[in-house]
Amino acid sequence: MKRQFSNIAIEVAPDATDKGDNYWLQYRIDSLNQRTAETYRYMDSIGQAHNFDRIAASLQTLQSGRIPIKMFDLNLDKLLGYNAYEGIYAGLGLQTNDKFSRAVKFGGFWGYGFRDQTAKYGLDVAVQIDRYKEISLEAAYSFEALESGGFTRFGENPFLIEQSKFRDFFINRKDITTTLMGGISFRALRHFKWRTFIEVQEKTNKTGYVFAEAGKLPTSTFRFTKLQLQTRFVFKEKFMQTTRGLISLGSSYPIVRLAYTKSFDDLLDGAYAFDKWEFKTNYAWFTPYLGKTDITLIAGLVEGNAPGTELFNASGTYRAFTFYAPESFGTMRTNEFLSDKFTALFFTHNFGKLLFRKGKFEPEFVLAT
């Protein structure tokens, strides 16, 4: 019954590729005749000749961002990166995979930013309670640099080469942040994925920002105790459970994300009381002979006593010479505005290769606003 109502459409066992012929014979509904065996042999030879297995593994690596090494996964996003605050970032991130345990995952990372000359590190653990309802407990500790005035990323892990990561290059204000958190995630109401957690944070801004309150000395170090609830809604989304984790098979419906954060000034030494709402939805569709259209709506609201680190910067990416970064304003300078409420609408249309083709030269033209 769990499998019947699960959002997992395809599941691959961790040891599926290690099974021999004798294992599969007990599940075969018919005998393997010479013609069928020759067909399998021929298909395997084509796959070997064109490296289909290697190509599939490479695509899965790009999507998951992890390379399996025996009982561990190497997290590629912790290996090397760049942003305007840290400069070149180099490090190492490891996480146990299903070969270690399907129920418990341990992870950790260490890295160094050569511009801010600061080491970052962290440890985390996740315990899976129910695989098909996706119920998991999590706990983590980290010391890292987080974007000042940034928007919640909702646990998104885009392709390593996806354009949505391009904005990271422009981020030049971050807070050195110590975080201790614990939470739970689960799937309920079928198409909703939920995550709630409590975290204690201490943020220090080293770019010159200070926050002054009546009767208190100005400070650039802030302590928070937060309770956050996140939800993600995608109608009729299906997944494939692989040896490297869940991979979305997509949906033809919009993706809706919502986060609510309650910050306390009377709990676990938290010093600031405020409420924060963050909303994001995007919808993409393809029109034959016209191309792909993508619309993204983002909005945020903060009410209460919140320093600038918890407000919203305007995601500006203007430079004299620059490149396009989705979900940003190319005509607005980085950190040009800071607000307690905002709404942003992004529209792109990719004509693909419809407008111009000449031999192997097939540029794609995109409208963005």
Protein backbone atom coordinates (compact mmCIF):
# COMPACT_ATOMS: atom_id res chain seq x y z
CA MET A 1 0.00 0.00 0.00
CA LYS A 2 2.86 2.36 0.76
CA ARG A 3 4.30 1.87 -2.71
CA GLN A 4 0.88 2.32 -4.33
CA PHE A 5 0.40 5.79 -2.89
CA SER A 6 4.05 6.86 -2.87
CA ASN A 7 5.34 9.66 -5.09
CA ILE A 8 8.28 7.44 -6.01
CA ALA A 9 7.49 6.16 -9.51
CA ILE A 10 10.75 4.23 -9.99
CA GLU A 11 13.03 2.76 -7.33
CA VAL A 12 16.46 1.27 -7.94
CA ALA A 13 17.88 -0.86 -5.12
CA PRO A 14 21.40 0.15 -3.98
CA ASP A 15 22.81 -3.29 -4.85
CA ALA A 16 20.81 -3.83 -8.07
CA THR A 17 23.88 -3.67 -10.30
CA ASP A 18 25.73 -6.23 -8.16
CA LYS A 19 23.19 -9.04 -8.61
CA GLY A 20 24.15 -12.06 -10.72
CA ASP A 21 22.16 -14.13 -13.21
CA ASN A 22 21.04 -16.64 -10.57
CA TYR A 23 19.35 -13.87 -8.59
CA TRP A 24 17.36 -12.53 -11.55
CA LEU A 25 16.30 -16.03 -12.69
CA GLN A 26 14.03 -16.44 -9.66
CA TYR A 27 12.09 -13.31 -10.69
CA ARG A 28 11.92 -13.96 -14.43
CA ILE A 29 8.37 -14.81 -15.52
CA ASP A 30 9.58 -16.66 -18.63
CA SER A 31 12.69 -18.53 -19.66
CA LEU A 32 15.46 -16.65 -21.45
CA ASN A 33 15.66 -18.06 -24.99
CA GLN A 34 18.55 -17.68 -27.41
CA ARG A 35 16.91 -14.86 -29.35
CA THR A 36 16.25 -12.75 -26.23
CA ALA A 37 19.74 -13.40 -24.89
CA GLU A 38 21.24 -12.29 -28.21
CA THR A 39 19.10 -9.13 -28.13
CA TYR A 40 20.41 -8.26 -24.65
CA ARG A 41 23.98 -8.97 -25.76
CA TYR A 42 23.58 -6.73 -28.81
CA MET A 43 22.07 -3.87 -26.76
CA ASP A 44 24.89 -4.17 -24.22
CA SER A 45 27.47 -3.99 -27.01
CA ILE A 46 25.90 -0.78 -28.32
CA GLY A 47 25.92 0.70 -24.81
CA GLN A 48 29.58 -0.20 -24.33
CA ALA A 49 30.55 1.18 -27.73
CA HIS A 50 28.88 4.54 -27.05
CA ASN A 51 29.61 4.69 -23.29
CA PHE A 52 25.92 4.95 -22.35
CA ASP A 53 26.61 3.91 -18.74
CA ARG A 54 29.30 6.57 -18.35
CA ILE A 55 27.06 9.24 -19.90
CA ALA A 56 24.14 8.29 -17.60
CA ALA A 57 26.42 8.36 -14.55
CA SER A 58 27.78 11.78 -15.57
CA LEU A 59 24.29 13.23 -15.99
CA GLN A 60 23.24 11.87 -12.61
CA THR A 61 26.36 13.39 -11.05
CA LEU A 62 25.50 16.80 -12.53
CA GLN A 63 21.95 16.60 -11.18
CA SER A 64 22.71 15.24 -7.71
CA GLY A 65 26.01 17.09 -7.29
CA ARG A 66 27.57 13.99 -5.72
CA ILE A 67 30.07 11.34 -6.77
CA PRO A 68 29.80 7.99 -4.93
CA ILE A 69 33.06 6.60 -3.53
CA LYS A 70 32.26 3.28 -1.84
CA MET A 71 30.26 4.15 1.31
CA PHE A 72 30.63 7.92 0.83
CA ASP A 73 29.39 10.59 -1.58
CA LEU A 74 31.72 13.42 -2.53
CA ASN A 75 29.73 16.70 -2.55
CA LEU A 76 30.96 18.63 -5.58
CA ASP A 77 29.47 21.96 -4.46
CA LYS A 78 31.82 21.90 -1.44
CA LEU A 79 34.86 21.18 -3.59
CA LEU A 80 35.45 24.45 -5.42
CA GLY A 81 33.53 27.69 -5.88
CA TYR A 82 33.74 31.44 -6.21
CA ASN A 83 31.86 34.48 -4.91
CA ALA A 84 32.82 38.12 -4.52
CA TYR A 85 33.03 37.90 -0.70
CA GLU A 86 35.06 34.72 -0.17
CA GLY A 87 36.91 34.79 -3.47
CA ILE A 88 38.00 31.32 -4.49
CA TYR A 89 36.56 28.72 -2.13
CA ALA A 90 38.17 25.29 -1.90
CA GLY A 91 37.26 22.46 0.42
CA LEU A 92 35.91 18.96 0.88
CA GLY A 93 32.42 17.67 1.65
CA LEU A 94 31.52 14.04 2.33
CA GLN A 95 28.27 12.25 3.15
CA THR A 96 27.55 8.60 3.77
CA ASN A 97 25.28 6.90 1.23
CA ASP A 98 22.97 3.87 1.13
CA LYS A 99 25.92 1.47 1.10
CA PHE A 100 26.70 2.64 4.62
CA SER A 101 23.09 2.83 5.82
CA ARG A 102 19.71 3.53 4.25
CA ALA A 103 18.38 4.81 7.59
CA VAL A 104 21.17 7.05 8.90
CA LYS A 105 23.27 9.58 6.99
CA PHE A 106 26.33 11.36 8.37
CA GLY A 107 27.93 14.32 6.62
CA GLY A 108 30.55 16.97 7.05
CA PHE A 109 32.51 19.63 5.20
CA TRP A 110 35.55 21.85 5.53
CA GLY A 111 36.52 24.70 3.25
CA TYR A 112 38.55 27.88 3.03
CA GLY A 113 37.85 31.25 1.38
CA PHE A 114 41.04 32.80 0.06
CA ARG A 115 39.67 36.36 -0.02
CA ASP A 116 38.12 36.50 3.46
CA GLN A 117 40.86 34.14 4.75
CA THR A 118 38.42 32.21 6.93
CA ALA A 119 37.91 28.46 7.28
CA LYS A 120 34.36 27.06 7.26
CA TYR A 121 33.23 23.69 8.54
CA GLY A 122 30.18 21.72 9.59
CA LEU A 123 28.72 18.36 10.61
CA ASP A 124 25.24 16.93 10.08
CA VAL A 125 23.22 13.77 10.66
CA ALA A 126 19.87 12.64 9.27
CA VAL A 127 17.76 9.68 10.40
CA GLN A 128 15.15 8.34 8.01
CA ILE A 129 12.00 7.21 9.83
CA ASP A 130 9.81 6.33 6.82
CA ARG A 131 11.29 6.08 3.32
CA TYR A 132 8.03 6.41 1.40
CA LYS A 133 6.49 9.20 3.46
CA GLU A 134 9.95 10.84 3.43
CA ILE A 135 9.94 11.35 7.20
CA SER A 136 13.42 12.27 8.41
CA LEU A 137 14.94 13.78 11.54
CA GLU A 138 17.94 16.06 11.08
CA ALA A 139 20.53 17.91 13.15
CA ALA A 140 23.48 20.03 12.08
CA TYR A 141 26.22 22.35 13.28
CA SER A 142 28.04 24.73 10.96
CA PHE A 143 30.40 27.68 10.89
CA GLU A 144 30.15 29.33 7.47
CA ALA A 145 29.58 32.53 5.52
CA LEU A 146 25.92 33.15 4.59
CA GLU A 147 24.59 35.87 2.30
CA SER A 148 23.52 38.98 4.20
CA GLY A 149 19.90 39.78 3.37
CA GLY A 150 19.55 36.64 1.27
CA PHE A 151 16.40 34.74 0.34
CA THR A 152 15.69 31.22 1.58
CA ARG A 153 16.81 28.62 -0.96
CA PHE A 154 14.32 25.98 0.19
CA GLY A 155 16.90 23.21 0.02
CA GLU A 156 17.22 23.58 -3.73
CA ASN A 157 20.16 21.81 -5.29
CA PRO A 158 20.29 22.80 -8.98
CA PHE A 159 22.55 21.29 -11.60
CA LEU A 160 26.20 22.18 -10.97
CA ILE A 161 26.27 24.10 -14.26
CA GLU A 162 22.74 25.54 -14.07
CA GLN A 163 22.38 29.28 -14.65
CA SER A 164 20.60 29.80 -11.33
CA LYS A 165 23.99 29.40 -9.62
CA PHE A 166 25.52 32.28 -11.60
CA ARG A 167 24.23 34.87 -9.12
CA ASP A 168 26.57 33.42 -6.48
CA PHE A 169 29.48 35.08 -8.29
CA PHE A 170 28.11 38.54 -7.45
CA ILE A 171 27.46 38.09 -3.71
CA ASN A 172 29.87 40.42 -1.89
CA ARG A 173 28.26 40.73 1.56
CA LYS A 174 28.11 37.73 3.83
CA ASP A 175 27.80 37.16 7.56
CA ILE A 176 30.10 34.79 9.41
CA THR A 177 27.47 32.51 10.92
CA THR A 178 27.49 29.82 13.59
CA THR A 179 24.36 27.64 13.42
CA LEU A 180 23.05 24.81 15.58
CA MET A 181 19.80 23.33 14.28
CA GLY A 182 17.44 20.38 14.64
CA GLY A 183 14.33 19.56 12.67
CA ILE A 184 12.06 17.16 10.86
CA SER A 185 10.94 16.84 7.24
CA PHE A 186 8.05 14.81 5.88
CA ARG A 187 5.54 14.48 3.06
CA ALA A 188 1.87 15.09 3.90
CA LEU A 189 -1.28 15.88 1.89
CA ARG A 190 0.31 13.95 -0.99
CA HIS A 191 1.68 16.82 -3.09
CA PHE A 192 3.19 18.80 -0.19
CA LYS A 193 6.70 18.38 1.20
CA TRP A 194 7.19 19.94 4.66
CA ARG A 195 10.23 20.86 6.71
CA THR A 196 10.29 22.48 10.13
CA PHE A 197 13.27 23.18 12.37
CA ILE A 198 14.53 25.30 15.22
CA GLU A 199 17.94 26.91 15.02
CA VAL A 200 20.19 29.08 17.15
CA GLN A 201 22.40 31.41 15.13
CA GLU A 202 25.09 33.95 15.79
CA LYS A 203 25.89 36.21 12.85
CA THR A 204 28.77 38.66 12.57
CA ASN A 205 28.86 41.18 9.74
CA LYS A 206 32.38 42.22 8.74
CA THR A 207 31.49 44.54 5.84
CA GLY A 208 30.82 47.64 7.98
CA TYR A 209 27.12 47.22 8.80
CA VAL A 210 25.97 47.94 12.39
CA PHE A 211 22.49 47.87 13.93
CA ALA A 212 21.53 50.46 16.55
CA GLU A 213 18.59 50.13 18.95
CA ALA A 214 17.35 52.70 21.44
CA GLY A 215 19.25 52.40 24.71
CA LYS A 216 21.76 49.89 23.32
CA LEU A 217 25.22 50.16 21.78
CA PRO A 218 25.46 49.66 18.00
CA THR A 219 26.54 46.13 17.15
CA SER A 220 27.54 44.04 14.15
CA THR A 221 27.05 40.70 15.94
CA PHE A 222 23.53 39.30 16.21
CA ARG A 223 22.10 36.27 18.01
CA PHE A 224 18.86 34.64 16.85
CA THR A 225 16.60 31.83 17.97
CA LYS A 226 14.34 30.91 15.05
CA LEU A 227 11.56 28.47 14.34
CA GLN A 228 10.93 27.97 10.62
CA LEU A 229 8.29 26.08 8.65
CA GLN A 230 8.83 25.43 4.94
CA THR A 231 6.50 23.81 2.45
CA ARG A 232 6.86 22.89 -1.21
CA PHE A 233 3.84 22.08 -3.36
CA VAL A 234 4.03 20.46 -6.80
CA PHE A 235 0.93 18.83 -8.21
CA LYS A 236 1.52 15.31 -9.61
CA GLU A 237 5.31 15.41 -9.16
CA LYS A 238 6.98 12.01 -9.44
CA PHE A 239 10.44 10.86 -8.36
CA MET A 240 12.96 8.18 -9.18
CA GLN A 241 14.74 6.62 -6.19
CA THR A 242 18.31 5.88 -7.31
CA THR A 243 21.39 4.73 -5.46
CA ARG A 244 22.33 8.42 -5.08
CA GLY A 245 19.00 9.62 -3.72
CA LEU A 246 15.70 10.95 -5.04
CA ILE A 247 15.68 12.54 -8.49
CA SER A 248 12.61 14.50 -9.59
CA LEU A 249 10.96 13.36 -12.80
CA GLY A 250 9.28 16.73 -13.01
CA SER A 251 5.71 17.94 -13.30
CA SER A 252 3.75 19.98 -15.83
CA TYR A 253 2.36 22.15 -13.02
CA PRO A 254 3.83 25.19 -11.19
CA ILE A 255 6.19 24.75 -8.23
CA VAL A 256 5.11 26.70 -5.13
CA ARG A 257 7.35 27.29 -2.08
CA LEU A 258 6.53 29.08 1.16
CA ALA A 259 8.57 29.68 4.31
CA TYR A 260 7.52 31.26 7.61
CA THR A 261 10.14 32.17 10.23
CA LYS A 262 9.41 33.19 13.82
CA SER A 263 12.35 34.76 15.66
CA PHE A 264 12.21 34.97 19.48
CA ASP A 265 13.84 37.50 21.81
CA ASP A 266 13.14 35.51 24.98
CA LEU A 267 14.27 32.00 24.06
CA LEU A 268 17.81 30.52 24.16
CA ASP A 269 19.43 33.98 24.30
CA GLY A 270 17.76 35.17 21.09
CA ALA A 271 17.85 38.97 20.94
CA TYR A 272 15.42 39.86 18.14
CA ALA A 273 11.69 39.24 17.74
CA PHE A 274 10.24 39.31 14.24
CA ASP A 275 8.13 37.39 11.73
CA LYS A 276 9.35 36.64 8.22
CA TRP A 277 7.43 35.35 5.21
CA GLU A 278 9.05 34.18 1.98
CA PHE A 279 7.18 33.02 -1.13
CA LYS A 280 8.39 31.70 -4.48
CA THR A 281 6.62 30.11 -7.42
CA ASN A 282 7.75 29.36 -10.93
CA TYR A 283 6.09 27.86 -13.96
CA ALA A 284 7.69 26.80 -17.23
CA TRP A 285 6.06 25.50 -20.38
CA PHE A 286 7.03 24.74 -23.98
CA THR A 287 5.11 26.04 -26.99
CA PRO A 288 5.77 24.24 -30.30
CA TYR A 289 7.52 26.44 -32.87
CA LEU A 290 7.90 29.25 -30.31
CA GLY A 291 10.14 27.88 -27.54
CA LYS A 292 10.17 27.67 -23.74
CA THR A 293 8.63 30.28 -21.43
CA ASP A 294 9.54 30.61 -17.75
CA ILE A 295 7.84 32.86 -15.18
CA THR A 296 9.06 33.24 -11.57
CA LEU A 297 7.38 35.26 -8.82
CA ILE A 298 9.24 35.96 -5.55
CA ALA A 299 7.99 37.94 -2.55
CA GLY A 300 9.08 38.58 1.02
CA LEU A 301 7.86 40.37 4.15
CA VAL A 302 9.53 41.03 7.53
CA GLU A 303 7.57 42.45 10.48
CA GLY A 304 9.24 43.32 13.77
CA ASN A 305 12.67 44.14 15.14
CA ALA A 306 15.04 42.65 12.55
CA PRO A 307 18.59 43.80 11.69
CA GLY A 308 19.64 44.15 8.07
CA THR A 309 21.07 40.65 7.93
CA GLU A 310 17.47 39.34 8.08
CA LEU A 311 15.95 41.76 5.56
CA PHE A 312 16.04 41.36 1.77
CA ASN A 313 18.65 42.66 -0.62
CA ALA A 314 17.39 43.28 -4.13
CA SER A 315 19.47 40.64 -5.97
CA GLY A 316 21.23 43.15 -8.20
CA THR A 317 23.95 41.88 -10.54
CA TYR A 318 24.91 45.00 -12.50
CA ARG A 319 28.55 45.34 -13.55
CA ALA A 320 30.24 47.27 -16.35
CA PHE A 321 30.99 43.88 -17.90
CA THR A 322 28.85 41.01 -16.69
CA PHE A 323 26.82 37.94 -17.62
CA TYR A 324 23.17 37.04 -17.17
CA ALA A 325 22.12 35.51 -13.85
CA PRO A 326 18.49 34.30 -13.60
CA GLU A 327 16.27 35.68 -10.83
CA SER A 328 18.34 38.84 -10.53
CA PHE A 329 18.19 42.43 -11.78
CA GLY A 330 20.95 43.10 -14.30
CA THR A 331 20.41 46.89 -14.21
CA MET A 332 20.64 47.14 -10.39
CA ARG A 333 23.92 47.18 -8.49
CA THR A 334 24.59 44.54 -5.86
CA ASN A 335 23.21 45.62 -2.44
CA GLU A 336 21.85 48.85 -3.91
CA PHE A 337 18.62 48.37 -1.95
CA LEU A 338 17.66 46.71 1.34
CA SER A 339 13.99 46.29 2.23
CA ASP A 340 11.59 44.70 4.70
CA LYS A 341 9.11 43.85 1.94
CA PHE A 342 9.42 43.22 -1.79
CA THR A 343 7.85 41.54 -4.80
CA ALA A 344 9.79 40.54 -7.91
CA LEU A 345 8.58 39.05 -11.20
CA PHE A 346 10.99 37.47 -13.70
CA PHE A 347 10.05 36.46 -17.24
CA THR A 348 12.21 34.63 -19.78
CA HIS A 349 11.46 33.15 -23.17
CA ASN A 350 13.98 30.92 -24.91
CA PHE A 351 13.45 30.62 -28.67
CA GLY A 352 15.95 27.77 -28.75
CA LYS A 353 17.43 27.16 -32.18
CA LEU A 354 14.34 28.39 -34.04
CA LEU A 355 15.57 31.81 -35.16
CA PHE A 356 18.98 31.13 -36.64
CA ARG A 357 20.89 28.10 -37.83
CA LYS A 358 23.94 27.94 -40.01
CA GLY A 359 25.75 24.63 -40.17
CA LYS A 360 26.95 23.69 -36.69
CA PHE A 361 26.45 27.27 -35.47
CA GLU A 362 23.08 27.17 -33.66
CA PRO A 363 22.83 29.99 -31.09
CA GLU A 364 19.82 30.21 -28.77
CA PHE A 365 18.14 33.60 -28.36
CA VAL A 366 16.52 34.43 -25.02
CA LEU A 367 14.31 37.33 -23.95
CA ALA A 368 14.60 38.18 -20.25
CA THR A 369 12.95 40.82 -18.10
